[in-house]
PDB file of all heavy atoms in Angstrom:
ATOM      1  N   ARG A   1       8.978  10.700 -16.223  1.00  0.00           N
ATOM      2  CA  ARG A   1       7.677  10.651 -16.786  1.00  0.00           C
ATOM      3  C   ARG A   1       6.617  10.790 -15.724  1.00  0.00           C
ATOM      4  O   ARG A   1       6.711  10.322 -14.678  1.00  0.00           O
ATOM      5  CB  ARG A   1       7.586   9.289 -17.566  1.00  0.00           C
ATOM      6  CG  ARG A   1       8.602   9.148 -18.639  1.00  0.00           C
ATOM      7  CD  ARG A   1       8.362   7.723 -19.359  1.00  0.00           C
ATOM      8  NE  ARG A   1       7.022   7.587 -19.873  1.00  0.00           N
ATOM      9  CZ  ARG A   1       6.534   6.457 -20.338  1.00  0.00           C
ATOM     10  NH1 ARG A   1       7.317   5.351 -20.398  1.00  0.00           N
ATOM     11  NH2 ARG A   1       5.340   6.315 -20.790  1.00  0.00           N
ATOM     12  N   GLY A   2       5.456  11.406 -16.116  1.00  0.00           N
ATOM     13  CA  GLY A   2       4.442  11.515 -15.170  1.00  0.00           C
ATOM     14  C   GLY A   2       3.642  10.265 -15.003  1.00  0.00           C
ATOM     15  O   GLY A   2       3.651   9.328 -15.742  1.00  0.00           O
ATOM     16  N   LEU A   3       2.949  10.127 -13.817  1.00  0.00           N
ATOM     17  CA  LEU A   3       2.161   9.000 -13.450  1.00  0.00           C
ATOM     18  C   LEU A   3       0.851   9.043 -14.283  1.00  0.00           C
ATOM     19  O   LEU A   3       0.313  10.140 -14.595  1.00  0.00           O
ATOM     20  CB  LEU A   3       1.846   8.946 -12.019  1.00  0.00           C
ATOM     21  CG  LEU A   3       3.069   8.938 -11.042  1.00  0.00           C
ATOM     22  CD1 LEU A   3       2.516   8.994  -9.565  1.00  0.00           C
ATOM     23  CD2 LEU A   3       3.902   7.743 -11.266  1.00  0.00           C
ATOM     24  N   THR A   4       0.345   7.895 -14.570  1.00  0.00           N
ATOM     25  CA  THR A   4      -0.822   7.814 -15.423  1.00  0.00           C
ATOM     26  C   THR A   4      -1.920   6.819 -14.804  1.00  0.00           C
ATOM     27  O   THR A   4      -3.081   6.849 -15.191  1.00  0.00           O
ATOM     28  CB  THR A   4      -0.571   7.376 -16.851  1.00  0.00           C
ATOM     29  OG1 THR A   4       0.120   6.136 -16.863  1.00  0.00           O
ATOM     30  CG2 THR A   4       0.297   8.438 -17.547  1.00  0.00           C
ATOM     31  N   ASP A   5      -1.402   5.925 -13.932  1.00  0.00           N
ATOM     32  CA  ASP A   5      -2.201   4.784 -13.393  1.00  0.00           C
ATOM     33  C   ASP A   5      -3.105   5.279 -12.285  1.00  0.00           C
ATOM     34  O   ASP A   5      -2.585   5.605 -11.232  1.00  0.00           O
ATOM     35  CB  ASP A   5      -1.343   3.631 -13.023  1.00  0.00           C
ATOM     36  CG  ASP A   5      -2.081   2.399 -12.578  1.00  0.00           C
ATOM     37  OD1 ASP A   5      -3.286   2.356 -12.639  1.00  0.00           O
ATOM     38  OD2 ASP A   5      -1.384   1.455 -12.044  1.00  0.00           O
ATOM     39  N   LEU A   6      -4.384   5.264 -12.508  1.00  0.00           N
ATOM     40  CA  LEU A   6      -5.361   5.635 -11.520  1.00  0.00           C
ATOM     41  C   LEU A   6      -6.089   4.382 -10.870  1.00  0.00           C
ATOM     42  O   LEU A   6      -7.224   4.530 -10.419  1.00  0.00           O
ATOM     43  CB  LEU A   6      -6.436   6.615 -12.065  1.00  0.00           C
ATOM     44  CG  LEU A   6      -5.901   8.008 -12.419  1.00  0.00           C
ATOM     45  CD1 LEU A   6      -6.925   8.785 -13.319  1.00  0.00           C
ATOM     46  CD2 LEU A   6      -5.673   8.771 -11.147  1.00  0.00           C
ATOM     47  N   SER A   7      -5.484   3.253 -10.976  1.00  0.00           N
ATOM     48  CA  SER A   7      -6.105   2.015 -10.498  1.00  0.00           C
ATOM     49  C   SER A   7      -6.451   2.107  -9.024  1.00  0.00           C
ATOM     50  O   SER A   7      -7.498   1.555  -8.614  1.00  0.00           O
ATOM     51  CB  SER A   7      -5.255   0.816 -10.833  1.00  0.00           C
ATOM     52  OG  SER A   7      -4.031   0.905 -10.209  1.00  0.00           O
ATOM     53  N   VAL A   8      -5.572   2.602  -8.252  1.00  0.00           N
ATOM     54  CA  VAL A   8      -5.862   2.817  -6.725  1.00  0.00           C
ATOM     55  C   VAL A   8      -7.105   3.628  -6.515  1.00  0.00           C
ATOM     56  O   VAL A   8      -7.962   3.295  -5.731  1.00  0.00           O
ATOM     57  CB  VAL A   8      -4.606   3.279  -6.002  1.00  0.00           C
ATOM     58  CG1 VAL A   8      -5.064   3.625  -4.562  1.00  0.00           C
ATOM     59  CG2 VAL A   8      -3.502   2.331  -6.074  1.00  0.00           C
ATOM     60  N   GLU A   9      -7.164   4.749  -7.222  1.00  0.00           N
ATOM     61  CA  GLU A   9      -8.278   5.678  -7.083  1.00  0.00           C
ATOM     62  C   GLU A   9      -9.565   5.071  -7.619  1.00  0.00           C
ATOM     63  O   GLU A   9     -10.611   5.206  -7.068  1.00  0.00           O
ATOM     64  CB  GLU A   9      -7.989   6.970  -7.771  1.00  0.00           C
ATOM     65  CG  GLU A   9      -6.935   7.854  -7.125  1.00  0.00           C
ATOM     66  CD  GLU A   9      -5.495   7.496  -7.663  1.00  0.00           C
ATOM     67  OE1 GLU A   9      -5.353   6.391  -8.242  1.00  0.00           O
ATOM     68  OE2 GLU A   9      -4.530   8.278  -7.381  1.00  0.00           O
ATOM     69  N   ARG A  10      -9.416   4.311  -8.719  1.00  0.00           N
ATOM     70  CA  ARG A  10     -10.682   3.594  -9.271  1.00  0.00           C
ATOM     71  C   ARG A  10     -11.162   2.494  -8.257  1.00  0.00           C
ATOM     72  O   ARG A  10     -12.469   2.276  -8.123  1.00  0.00           O
ATOM     73  CB  ARG A  10     -10.355   3.043 -10.594  1.00  0.00           C
ATOM     74  CG  ARG A  10     -10.141   3.988 -11.708  1.00  0.00           C
ATOM     75  CD  ARG A  10     -10.156   3.348 -13.095  1.00  0.00           C
ATOM     76  NE  ARG A  10     -10.146   4.391 -14.113  1.00  0.00           N
ATOM     77  CZ  ARG A  10      -8.983   4.780 -14.675  1.00  0.00           C
ATOM     78  NH1 ARG A  10      -7.781   4.247 -14.314  1.00  0.00           N
ATOM     79  NH2 ARG A  10      -8.943   5.762 -15.551  1.00  0.00           N
ATOM     80  N   GLU A  11     -10.251   1.902  -7.580  1.00  0.00           N
ATOM     81  CA  GLU A  11     -10.606   0.927  -6.589  1.00  0.00           C
ATOM     82  C   GLU A  11     -11.367   1.506  -5.422  1.00  0.00           C
ATOM     83  O   GLU A  11     -12.419   0.960  -4.937  1.00  0.00           O
ATOM     84  CB  GLU A  11      -9.346   0.105  -6.040  1.00  0.00           C
ATOM     85  CG  GLU A  11      -9.696  -0.950  -5.089  1.00  0.00           C
ATOM     86  CD  GLU A  11     -10.525  -2.058  -5.532  1.00  0.00           C
ATOM     87  OE1 GLU A  11     -10.564  -2.326  -6.781  1.00  0.00           O
ATOM     88  OE2 GLU A  11     -11.204  -2.725  -4.781  1.00  0.00           O
ATOM     89  N   LEU A  12     -10.948   2.663  -4.996  1.00  0.00           N
ATOM     90  CA  LEU A  12     -11.642   3.390  -3.959  1.00  0.00           C
ATOM     91  C   LEU A  12     -13.114   3.772  -4.408  1.00  0.00           C
ATOM     92  O   LEU A  12     -14.079   3.592  -3.652  1.00  0.00           O
ATOM     93  CB  LEU A  12     -10.937   4.672  -3.532  1.00  0.00           C
ATOM     94  CG  LEU A  12      -9.672   4.505  -2.822  1.00  0.00           C
ATOM     95  CD1 LEU A  12      -8.965   5.918  -2.535  1.00  0.00           C
ATOM     96  CD2 LEU A  12      -9.889   3.776  -1.486  1.00  0.00           C
ATOM     97  N   LEU A  13     -13.269   4.126  -5.696  1.00  0.00           N
ATOM     98  CA  LEU A  13     -14.590   4.488  -6.130  1.00  0.00           C
ATOM     99  C   LEU A  13     -15.462   3.243  -6.138  1.00  0.00           C
ATOM    100  O   LEU A  13     -16.628   3.305  -5.809  1.00  0.00           O
ATOM    101  CB  LEU A  13     -14.437   5.072  -7.509  1.00  0.00           C
ATOM    102  CG  LEU A  13     -15.796   5.596  -8.198  1.00  0.00           C
ATOM    103  CD1 LEU A  13     -16.335   6.687  -7.443  1.00  0.00           C
ATOM    104  CD2 LEU A  13     -15.433   6.069  -9.679  1.00  0.00           C
ATOM    105  N   SER A  14     -14.917   2.109  -6.535  1.00  0.00           N
ATOM    106  CA  SER A  14     -15.658   0.890  -6.623  1.00  0.00           C
ATOM    107  C   SER A  14     -16.110   0.413  -5.144  1.00  0.00           C
ATOM    108  O   SER A  14     -17.087  -0.271  -5.026  1.00  0.00           O
ATOM    109  CB  SER A  14     -14.912  -0.184  -7.275  1.00  0.00           C
ATOM    110  OG  SER A  14     -13.830  -0.638  -6.531  1.00  0.00           O
ATOM    111  N   GLU A  15     -15.388   0.867  -4.190  1.00  0.00           N
ATOM    112  CA  GLU A  15     -15.615   0.518  -2.774  1.00  0.00           C
ATOM    113  C   GLU A  15     -16.695   1.437  -2.225  1.00  0.00           C
ATOM    114  O   GLU A  15     -17.200   1.238  -1.053  1.00  0.00           O
ATOM    115  CB  GLU A  15     -14.410   0.609  -1.925  1.00  0.00           C
ATOM    116  CG  GLU A  15     -13.288  -0.472  -2.289  1.00  0.00           C
ATOM    117  CD  GLU A  15     -12.062  -0.299  -1.413  1.00  0.00           C
ATOM    118  OE1 GLU A  15     -12.170   0.325  -0.290  1.00  0.00           O
ATOM    119  OE2 GLU A  15     -10.992  -0.695  -1.894  1.00  0.00           O
ATOM    120  N   GLY A  16     -17.088   2.424  -2.954  1.00  0.00           N
ATOM    121  CA  GLY A  16     -18.122   3.316  -2.515  1.00  0.00           C
ATOM    122  C   GLY A  16     -17.690   4.668  -1.917  1.00  0.00           C
ATOM    123  O   GLY A  16     -18.498   5.427  -1.371  1.00  0.00           O
ATOM    124  N   PHE A  17     -16.346   4.991  -2.098  1.00  0.00           N
ATOM    125  CA  PHE A  17     -15.920   6.259  -1.590  1.00  0.00           C
ATOM    126  C   PHE A  17     -16.221   7.325  -2.650  1.00  0.00           C
ATOM    127  O   PHE A  17     -16.194   7.073  -3.869  1.00  0.00           O
ATOM    128  CB  PHE A  17     -14.339   6.181  -1.313  1.00  0.00           C
ATOM    129  CG  PHE A  17     -14.106   5.360  -0.090  1.00  0.00           C
ATOM    130  CD1 PHE A  17     -13.706   4.058  -0.185  1.00  0.00           C
ATOM    131  CD2 PHE A  17     -14.163   5.947   1.240  1.00  0.00           C
ATOM    132  CE1 PHE A  17     -13.411   3.260   1.004  1.00  0.00           C
ATOM    133  CE2 PHE A  17     -13.895   5.276   2.277  1.00  0.00           C
ATOM    134  CZ  PHE A  17     -13.521   3.940   2.177  1.00  0.00           C
ATOM    135  N   ASP A  18     -16.375   8.515  -2.127  1.00  0.00           N
ATOM    136  CA  ASP A  18     -16.658   9.697  -2.987  1.00  0.00           C
ATOM    137  C   ASP A  18     -15.403  10.574  -3.250  1.00  0.00           C
ATOM    138  O   ASP A  18     -15.368  11.103  -4.380  1.00  0.00           O
ATOM    139  CB  ASP A  18     -17.710  10.579  -2.417  1.00  0.00           C
ATOM    140  CG  ASP A  18     -19.043   9.895  -2.019  1.00  0.00           C
ATOM    141  OD1 ASP A  18     -19.547   9.174  -2.976  1.00  0.00           O
ATOM    142  OD2 ASP A  18     -19.524   9.871  -0.931  1.00  0.00           O
ATOM    143  N   TYR A  19     -14.600  10.694  -2.270  1.00  0.00           N
ATOM    144  CA  TYR A  19     -13.452  11.512  -2.385  1.00  0.00           C
ATOM    145  C   TYR A  19     -12.141  10.841  -1.936  1.00  0.00           C
ATOM    146  O   TYR A  19     -12.276   9.867  -1.071  1.00  0.00           O
ATOM    147  CB  TYR A  19     -13.540  12.813  -1.512  1.00  0.00           C
ATOM    148  CG  TYR A  19     -14.646  13.767  -2.027  1.00  0.00           C
ATOM    149  CD1 TYR A  19     -16.051  13.648  -1.764  1.00  0.00           C
ATOM    150  CD2 TYR A  19     -14.231  14.821  -2.915  1.00  0.00           C
ATOM    151  CE1 TYR A  19     -16.919  14.485  -2.312  1.00  0.00           C
ATOM    152  CE2 TYR A  19     -15.178  15.782  -3.373  1.00  0.00           C
ATOM    153  CZ  TYR A  19     -16.499  15.551  -3.081  1.00  0.00           C
ATOM    154  OH  TYR A  19     -17.492  16.391  -3.567  1.00  0.00           O
ATOM    155  N   VAL A  20     -11.035  11.229  -2.344  1.00  0.00           N
ATOM    156  CA  VAL A  20      -9.716  10.813  -1.860  1.00  0.00           C
ATOM    157  C   VAL A  20      -8.898  11.966  -1.523  1.00  0.00           C
ATOM    158  O   VAL A  20      -9.012  13.018  -2.230  1.00  0.00           O
ATOM    159  CB  VAL A  20      -9.026   9.911  -2.896  1.00  0.00           C
ATOM    160  CG1 VAL A  20      -8.689  10.618  -4.187  1.00  0.00           C
ATOM    161  CG2 VAL A  20      -7.745   9.243  -2.267  1.00  0.00           C
ATOM    162  N   ILE A  21      -8.119  11.852  -0.483  1.00  0.00           N
ATOM    163  CA  ILE A  21      -7.118  12.878  -0.121  1.00  0.00           C
ATOM    164  C   ILE A  21      -5.783  12.251  -0.173  1.00  0.00           C
ATOM    165  O   ILE A  21      -5.373  11.375   0.668  1.00  0.00           O
ATOM    166  CB  ILE A  21      -7.427  13.479   1.294  1.00  0.00           C
ATOM    167  CG1 ILE A  21      -8.802  14.068   1.359  1.00  0.00           C
ATOM    168  CG2 ILE A  21      -6.356  14.526   1.587  1.00  0.00           C
ATOM    169  CD1 ILE A  21      -9.226  14.491   2.803  1.00  0.00           C
ATOM    170  N   GLY A  22      -4.879  12.662  -1.033  1.00  0.00           N
ATOM    171  CA  GLY A  22      -3.540  12.254  -1.063  1.00  0.00           C
ATOM    172  C   GLY A  22      -2.752  13.056  -0.075  1.00  0.00           C
ATOM    173  O   GLY A  22      -2.932  14.276   0.118  1.00  0.00           O
ATOM    174  N   VAL A  23      -1.887  12.380   0.716  1.00  0.00           N
ATOM    175  CA  VAL A  23      -0.989  13.081   1.721  1.00  0.00           C
ATOM    176  C   VAL A  23       0.414  12.644   1.677  1.00  0.00           C
ATOM    177  O   VAL A  23       0.674  11.411   1.517  1.00  0.00           O
ATOM    178  CB  VAL A  23      -1.600  12.757   3.198  1.00  0.00           C
ATOM    179  CG1 VAL A  23      -0.760  13.473   4.190  1.00  0.00           C
ATOM    180  CG2 VAL A  23      -3.041  13.154   3.268  1.00  0.00           C
ATOM    181  N   ASP A  24       1.283  13.579   1.731  1.00  0.00           N
ATOM    182  CA  ASP A  24       2.802  13.281   1.801  1.00  0.00           C
ATOM    183  C   ASP A  24       3.498  14.387   2.589  1.00  0.00           C
ATOM    184  O   ASP A  24       3.006  15.517   2.717  1.00  0.00           O
ATOM    185  CB  ASP A  24       3.334  13.221   0.410  1.00  0.00           C
ATOM    186  CG  ASP A  24       4.682  12.445   0.460  1.00  0.00           C
ATOM    187  OD1 ASP A  24       5.031  11.868   1.450  1.00  0.00           O
ATOM    188  OD2 ASP A  24       5.400  12.605  -0.628  1.00  0.00           O
ATOM    189  N   GLU A  25       4.611  14.018   3.239  1.00  0.00           N
ATOM    190  CA  GLU A  25       5.368  14.972   4.077  1.00  0.00           C
ATOM    191  C   GLU A  25       6.645  15.270   3.311  1.00  0.00           C
ATOM    192  O   GLU A  25       7.184  14.518   2.534  1.00  0.00           O
ATOM    193  CB  GLU A  25       5.595  14.383   5.455  1.00  0.00           C
ATOM    194  CG  GLU A  25       6.303  13.048   5.458  1.00  0.00           C
ATOM    195  CD  GLU A  25       7.805  13.042   5.284  1.00  0.00           C
ATOM    196  OE1 GLU A  25       8.392  14.106   5.452  1.00  0.00           O
ATOM    197  OE2 GLU A  25       8.414  12.062   4.968  1.00  0.00           O
ATOM    198  N   VAL A  26       7.326  16.378   3.828  1.00  0.00           N
ATOM    199  CA  VAL A  26       8.612  16.751   3.310  1.00  0.00           C
ATOM    200  C   VAL A  26       9.292  17.481   4.444  1.00  0.00           C
ATOM    201  O   VAL A  26       8.709  18.192   5.175  1.00  0.00           O
ATOM    202  CB  VAL A  26       8.490  17.710   2.066  1.00  0.00           C
ATOM    203  CG1 VAL A  26       7.775  18.968   2.420  1.00  0.00           C
ATOM    204  CG2 VAL A  26       9.824  17.920   1.467  1.00  0.00           C
ATOM    205  N   GLY A  27      10.648  17.248   4.473  1.00  0.00           N
ATOM    206  CA  GLY A  27      11.466  17.886   5.448  1.00  0.00           C
ATOM    207  C   GLY A  27      11.694  17.054   6.692  1.00  0.00           C
ATOM    208  O   GLY A  27      12.325  17.611   7.715  1.00  0.00           O
ATOM    209  N   ARG A  28      11.342  15.825   6.719  1.00  0.00           N
ATOM    210  CA  ARG A  28      11.539  14.952   7.930  1.00  0.00           C
ATOM    211  C   ARG A  28      13.006  14.945   8.335  1.00  0.00           C
ATOM    212  O   ARG A  28      13.314  15.029   9.489  1.00  0.00           O
ATOM    213  CB  ARG A  28      11.038  13.578   7.687  1.00  0.00           C
ATOM    214  CG  ARG A  28      11.015  12.645   8.887  1.00  0.00           C
ATOM    215  CD  ARG A  28      10.878  11.257   8.466  1.00  0.00           C
ATOM    216  NE  ARG A  28       9.622  10.906   7.890  1.00  0.00           N
ATOM    217  CZ  ARG A  28       8.579  10.337   8.402  1.00  0.00           C
ATOM    218  NH1 ARG A  28       8.730   9.942   9.734  1.00  0.00           N
ATOM    219  NH2 ARG A  28       7.489  10.073   7.801  1.00  0.00           N
ATOM    220  N   GLY A  29      13.875  14.820   7.403  1.00  0.00           N
ATOM    221  CA  GLY A  29      15.246  14.620   7.712  1.00  0.00           C
ATOM    222  C   GLY A  29      16.087  15.831   7.667  1.00  0.00           C
ATOM    223  O   GLY A  29      17.389  15.831   7.884  1.00  0.00           O
ATOM    224  N   ALA A  30      15.499  16.973   7.514  1.00  0.00           N
ATOM    225  CA  ALA A  30      16.283  18.261   7.487  1.00  0.00           C
ATOM    226  C   ALA A  30      16.794  18.647   8.938  1.00  0.00           C
ATOM    227  O   ALA A  30      16.181  18.196   9.966  1.00  0.00           O
ATOM    228  CB  ALA A  30      15.471  19.358   6.929  1.00  0.00           C
ATOM    229  N   LEU A  31      17.831  19.479   9.044  1.00  0.00           N
ATOM    230  CA  LEU A  31      18.291  20.036  10.225  1.00  0.00           C
ATOM    231  C   LEU A  31      17.635  21.253  10.697  1.00  0.00           C
ATOM    232  O   LEU A  31      17.666  21.595  11.865  1.00  0.00           O
ATOM    233  CB  LEU A  31      19.831  20.140  10.181  1.00  0.00           C
ATOM    234  CG  LEU A  31      20.697  18.964   9.770  1.00  0.00           C
ATOM    235  CD1 LEU A  31      22.140  19.461   9.722  1.00  0.00           C
ATOM    236  CD2 LEU A  31      20.370  17.811  10.703  1.00  0.00           C
ATOM    237  N   ALA A  32      17.147  21.857   9.693  1.00  0.00           N
ATOM    238  CA  ALA A  32      16.521  23.257   9.953  1.00  0.00           C
ATOM    239  C   ALA A  32      15.264  23.362   9.218  1.00  0.00           C
ATOM    240  O   ALA A  32      14.952  22.758   8.213  1.00  0.00           O
ATOM    241  CB  ALA A  32      17.429  24.372   9.581  1.00  0.00           C
ATOM    242  N   GLY A  33      14.346  24.284   9.608  1.00  0.00           N
ATOM    243  CA  GLY A  33      13.136  24.627   8.943  1.00  0.00           C
ATOM    244  C   GLY A  33      11.948  23.751   9.397  1.00  0.00           C
ATOM    245  O   GLY A  33      12.060  22.774  10.144  1.00  0.00           O
ATOM    246  N   PRO A  34      10.806  23.980   8.879  1.00  0.00           N
ATOM    247  CA  PRO A  34       9.570  23.289   9.266  1.00  0.00           C
ATOM    248  C   PRO A  34       9.532  21.900   8.620  1.00  0.00           C
ATOM    249  O   PRO A  34      10.286  21.581   7.701  1.00  0.00           O
ATOM    250  CB  PRO A  34       8.502  24.136   8.762  1.00  0.00           C
ATOM    251  CG  PRO A  34       9.000  24.726   7.444  1.00  0.00           C
ATOM    252  CD  PRO A  34      10.507  25.072   7.853  1.00  0.00           C
ATOM    253  N   VAL A  35       8.773  21.059   9.283  1.00  0.00           N
ATOM    254  CA  VAL A  35       8.398  19.825   8.604  1.00  0.00           C
ATOM    255  C   VAL A  35       7.009  20.111   8.046  1.00  0.00           C
ATOM    256  O   VAL A  35       6.134  20.715   8.754  1.00  0.00           O
ATOM    257  CB  VAL A  35       8.326  18.582   9.535  1.00  0.00           C
ATOM    258  CG1 VAL A  35       7.401  18.782  10.699  1.00  0.00           C
ATOM    259  CG2 VAL A  35       7.979  17.310   8.855  1.00  0.00           C
ATOM    260  N   SER A  36       6.778  19.804   6.770  1.00  0.00           N
ATOM    261  CA  SER A  36       5.546  20.169   6.072  1.00  0.00           C
ATOM    262  C   SER A  36       4.788  19.048   5.508  1.00  0.00           C
ATOM    263  O   SER A  36       5.375  18.019   5.186  1.00  0.00           O
ATOM    264  CB  SER A  36       5.883  21.160   4.933  1.00  0.00           C
ATOM    265  OG  SER A  36       6.536  22.276   5.456  1.00  0.00           O
ATOM    266  N   VAL A  37       3.520  19.167   5.410  1.00  0.00           N
ATOM    267  CA  VAL A  37       2.618  18.116   4.904  1.00  0.00           C
ATOM    268  C   VAL A  37       1.769  18.632   3.764  1.00  0.00           C
ATOM    269  O   VAL A  37       1.094  19.679   4.015  1.00  0.00           O
ATOM    270  CB  VAL A  37       1.734  17.514   6.029  1.00  0.00           C
ATOM    271  CG1 VAL A  37       0.707  16.489   5.434  1.00  0.00           C
ATOM    272  CG2 VAL A  37       2.680  16.760   7.027  1.00  0.00           C
TER     273      VAL A  37
END
């Protein structure tokens, strides 16, 4: 099921932030290929 809860993002807005950047990595445990973000 997809995520629906935006409470973290709403909290940032209430703190006065204008934008949020979500960040995640992939490939950390691979033996070959790039590590990507």
